[in-house]
Protein backbone atom coordinates (compact mmCIF):
# COMPACT_ATOMS: atom_id res chain seq x y z
CA MET A 1 108.29 166.74 53.85
CA ALA A 2 112.06 167.09 53.78
CA GLU A 3 111.74 170.85 53.48
CA ALA A 4 109.41 170.92 56.48
CA LEU A 5 111.95 168.96 58.52
CA LYS A 6 114.70 171.37 57.51
CA ARG A 7 112.61 174.29 58.76
CA TYR A 8 111.87 172.47 62.01
CA ILE A 9 115.49 171.49 62.73
CA ALA A 10 118.09 173.59 60.91
CA ARG A 11 121.12 171.35 60.43
CA ALA A 12 124.63 172.32 59.38
CA PRO A 13 127.23 169.95 57.90
CA ARG A 14 128.35 167.54 60.62
CA TYR A 15 131.82 166.32 61.47
CA THR A 16 132.12 162.77 62.82
CA LEU A 17 134.85 162.54 65.41
CA THR A 18 137.88 160.31 64.82
CA PRO A 19 140.02 158.46 67.39
CA GLU A 20 142.39 161.45 67.39
CA ASP A 21 139.68 163.84 68.56
CA ASN A 22 138.63 164.54 72.13
CA LYS A 23 135.27 162.75 72.47
CA LEU A 24 134.63 163.63 76.09
CA LEU A 25 131.33 165.44 76.69
CA TYR A 26 129.56 166.49 79.89
CA PHE A 27 125.85 167.15 80.11
CA ALA A 28 123.38 167.92 82.88
CA GLU A 29 119.77 168.94 83.32
CA ASN A 30 119.11 172.64 83.25
CA THR A 31 118.76 172.96 87.05
CA LEU A 32 121.08 174.08 89.83
CA GLN A 33 120.99 170.71 91.60
CA SER A 34 121.53 168.59 88.47
CA LYS A 35 124.43 166.18 88.40
CA LYS A 36 126.95 166.48 85.56
CA ARG A 37 127.37 163.24 83.62
CA GLU A 38 130.27 162.17 81.43
CA THR A 39 129.65 160.59 78.04
CA GLU A 40 130.99 160.23 74.50
CA LEU A 41 130.62 162.77 71.70
CA VAL A 42 129.78 161.25 68.30
CA ASP A 43 129.56 164.15 65.85
CA VAL A 44 129.25 167.92 65.92
CA SER A 45 128.23 170.85 63.73
CA ALA A 46 127.65 174.56 64.18
CA SER A 47 123.97 173.88 64.89
CA GLY A 48 124.16 170.89 67.23
CA LEU A 49 125.74 167.54 68.03
CA THR A 50 125.00 163.94 68.93
CA PHE A 51 126.31 161.95 71.87
CA LEU A 52 126.09 158.47 73.30
CA THR A 53 124.66 157.88 76.75
CA ASP A 54 122.95 155.35 78.98
CA ARG A 55 119.21 155.03 78.41
CA ASP A 56 118.48 155.71 82.09
CA TYR A 57 120.32 159.06 82.04
CA ALA A 58 119.24 160.26 78.59
CA PRO A 59 117.21 163.48 78.47
CA ALA A 60 113.63 163.29 77.25
CA LEU A 61 112.74 164.61 73.83
CA GLY A 62 112.45 168.40 74.05
CA ASP A 63 114.38 168.70 77.35
CA MET A 64 116.82 171.58 77.76
CA ILE A 65 120.28 170.51 78.98
CA LYS A 66 123.67 172.07 79.68
CA ILE A 67 126.65 170.71 77.76
CA GLU A 68 130.44 171.01 77.87
CA PHE A 69 132.72 169.64 75.16
CA THR A 70 135.84 170.29 73.12
CA SER A 71 135.22 171.35 69.53
CA PRO A 72 137.29 169.78 66.70
CA GLY A 73 139.58 172.82 66.73
CA GLY A 74 140.42 172.31 70.40
CA GLU A 75 138.17 175.09 71.74
CA LYS A 76 136.24 174.44 74.97
CA VAL A 77 132.52 175.05 74.55
CA ALA A 78 129.87 175.24 77.28
CA TRP A 79 126.27 176.10 76.37
CA TRP A 80 122.62 175.05 76.44
CA ALA A 81 120.87 172.77 73.99
CA ARG A 82 117.56 171.01 73.44
CA ALA A 83 117.16 167.27 72.75
CA VAL A 84 115.60 166.94 69.30
CA ARG A 85 116.12 163.24 68.51
CA ILE A 86 116.69 160.05 70.49
CA GLU A 87 117.32 156.71 68.80
CA GLU A 88 118.62 153.24 69.57
CA TYR A 89 122.35 152.66 69.47
CA GLN A 90 123.11 150.21 66.67
CA GLY A 91 126.74 149.55 67.59
CA TYR A 92 128.98 148.03 64.95
CA GLY A 93 126.45 145.68 63.35
CA TRP A 94 125.96 141.92 63.40
CA TRP A 95 129.67 141.13 62.89
CA ARG A 96 130.47 142.78 66.23
CA ALA A 97 127.39 141.56 68.11
CA SER A 98 129.45 139.89 70.84
CA ALA A 99 131.40 143.09 71.46
CA ASP A 100 128.22 145.17 71.67
CA GLU A 101 126.48 143.19 74.38
CA ASP A 102 127.49 145.82 76.94
CA HIS A 103 125.90 148.58 74.83
CA GLU A 104 122.33 147.31 74.75
CA ASP A 105 121.21 150.09 77.13
CA LEU A 106 122.84 152.93 75.18
CA VAL A 107 121.03 155.48 73.06
CA ILE A 108 122.10 158.20 70.63
CA VAL A 109 120.89 161.68 71.59
CA ALA A 110 120.84 164.52 69.05
CA ILE A 111 120.71 168.04 70.44
CA GLN A 112 120.32 171.50 68.93
CA PHE A 113 122.13 174.51 70.37
CA ARG A 114 119.80 177.19 71.70
CA ASP A 115 120.60 180.83 70.90
CA MET A 116 124.33 180.15 70.70
CA PRO A 117 126.45 183.29 70.11
CA GLU A 118 127.89 183.66 66.64
CA ALA A 119 131.40 183.70 68.09
CA HIS A 120 130.89 180.17 69.45
CA ARG A 121 129.46 178.96 66.15
CA ALA A 122 132.34 180.51 64.22
CA ARG A 123 134.91 178.74 66.41
CA ILE A 124 133.15 175.41 65.89
CA GLN A 125 132.93 175.94 62.13
CA THR A 126 136.59 176.95 61.92
CA GLY A 127 137.64 173.90 63.91
CA ILE A 128 135.59 171.58 61.71
CA LYS A 129 137.05 173.11 58.56
CA LYS A 130 140.62 172.69 59.83
CA ARG A 131 140.02 169.08 60.84
CA LEU A 132 138.42 168.21 57.49
CA THR A 133 141.30 169.85 55.62
CA LYS A 134 143.82 167.89 57.68
CA ILE A 135 141.95 164.62 57.18
CA LYS A 136 141.78 165.14 53.41
CA ALA A 137 145.53 165.84 53.31
CA LEU A 138 146.23 162.68 55.34
CA GLN A 139 143.96 160.62 53.09
CA LYS A 140 145.70 161.98 49.99
CA ALA A 141 149.14 161.18 51.41
CA GLN A 142 147.97 157.70 52.44
CA GLY A 143 146.57 157.10 48.96
CA LEU A 144 149.93 158.05 47.42
CA ARG A 145 151.76 155.71 49.80
CA ASN A 146 149.36 152.89 48.95
CA PHE A 147 149.91 153.46 45.24
CA ILE A 148 153.70 153.40 45.60
CA SER A 149 153.45 150.27 47.72
CA PHE A 150 151.23 148.64 45.08
CA LEU A 151 153.78 149.42 42.36
CA HIS A 152 156.59 147.99 44.47
CA ILE A 153 154.77 144.78 45.41
CA HIS A 154 153.48 144.07 41.88
CA ARG A 155 156.45 145.42 39.93
CA PHE A 156 157.16 142.07 38.21
CA GLN A 157 153.54 141.56 37.14
CA LEU A 158 153.33 145.16 35.90
CA PHE A 159 156.58 144.76 33.92
CA LEU A 160 155.29 141.53 32.37
CA TYR A 161 151.95 143.14 31.52
CA GLY A 162 153.66 146.15 29.95
CA SER A 163 155.97 143.93 27.90
CA CYS A 164 153.05 141.86 26.61
CA LEU A 165 151.16 145.03 25.69
CA VAL A 166 154.12 146.48 23.76
CA PHE A 167 154.71 143.15 21.99
CA THR A 168 151.02 142.87 21.01
CA LEU A 169 151.00 146.42 19.60
CA TRP A 170 154.17 145.66 17.62
CA ILE A 171 152.61 142.48 16.16
CA PHE A 172 149.54 144.42 15.02
CA TYR A 173 151.75 147.10 13.50
CA PHE A 174 153.91 144.54 11.71
CA LEU A 175 150.95 142.59 10.26
CA THR A 176 149.27 145.72 8.94
CA GLN A 177 152.30 146.96 6.97
CA PRO A 178 152.09 146.76 3.12
CA THR A 179 154.22 144.21 1.24
CA VAL A 180 157.36 145.19 -0.68
CA LYS A 181 155.55 144.94 -4.02
CA TYR A 182 152.66 147.12 -2.94
CA ASP A 183 151.99 150.11 -5.19
CA GLY A 184 149.41 152.60 -4.12
CA ASP A 185 148.97 153.86 -7.69
CA ARG A 186 147.92 150.48 -9.04
CA GLY A 187 144.43 149.04 -8.92
CA SER A 188 140.99 150.07 -10.05
CA PRO A 189 139.68 153.53 -9.17
CA TRP A 190 137.09 153.54 -6.43
CA GLY A 191 133.67 152.46 -7.67
CA GLN A 192 134.89 151.26 -11.06
CA ARG A 193 136.25 147.80 -10.32
CA PHE A 194 133.06 146.20 -11.61
CA PHE A 195 132.37 148.86 -14.22
CA GLN A 196 130.13 147.57 -17.04
CA SER A 197 129.84 149.29 -20.36
CA ASP A 198 126.39 150.31 -21.57
CA LYS A 199 127.23 148.91 -24.95
CA LYS A 200 125.81 145.48 -25.71
């Protein structure tokens, strides 16, 4: 069934927008008299995007709409798309229920670009790749800063742990050393300590 869905709606890797990105999106019905509405972009890919809108203004499943938005690379994009999925907006979950009371009438709309030129798709893909590369670099730098901060905050505990470890290894080494009188050449050969003669 998954393969059938892939054939029905071809999806490319999606980029979820961050607070640093421009989330503004305009959409309107595919008519000359349609009113342009402003809403919030959620994620985007080279094949489509999803946005948040009021239930009363959401397009119906299968409707063709006009959209305008800023891709992750900063490029302005205006094109046509078809609504392929509409679902309830879940908000932030039960722990933010009080903050989501104003969002009860919102829905998530997923759209698929229709016959978009390859140049437009390439610009979107390039922008997504740049943003993901930048985010990974920021995450790596933040991880390094967190590690350095951890070492600084817990330096005494780490020093104590290291000292205990070295002391424990030294104790094991000391206890496993042979005595002064030990002679490796003395003793019974292997397998002959309990040797019994065949003679009676």
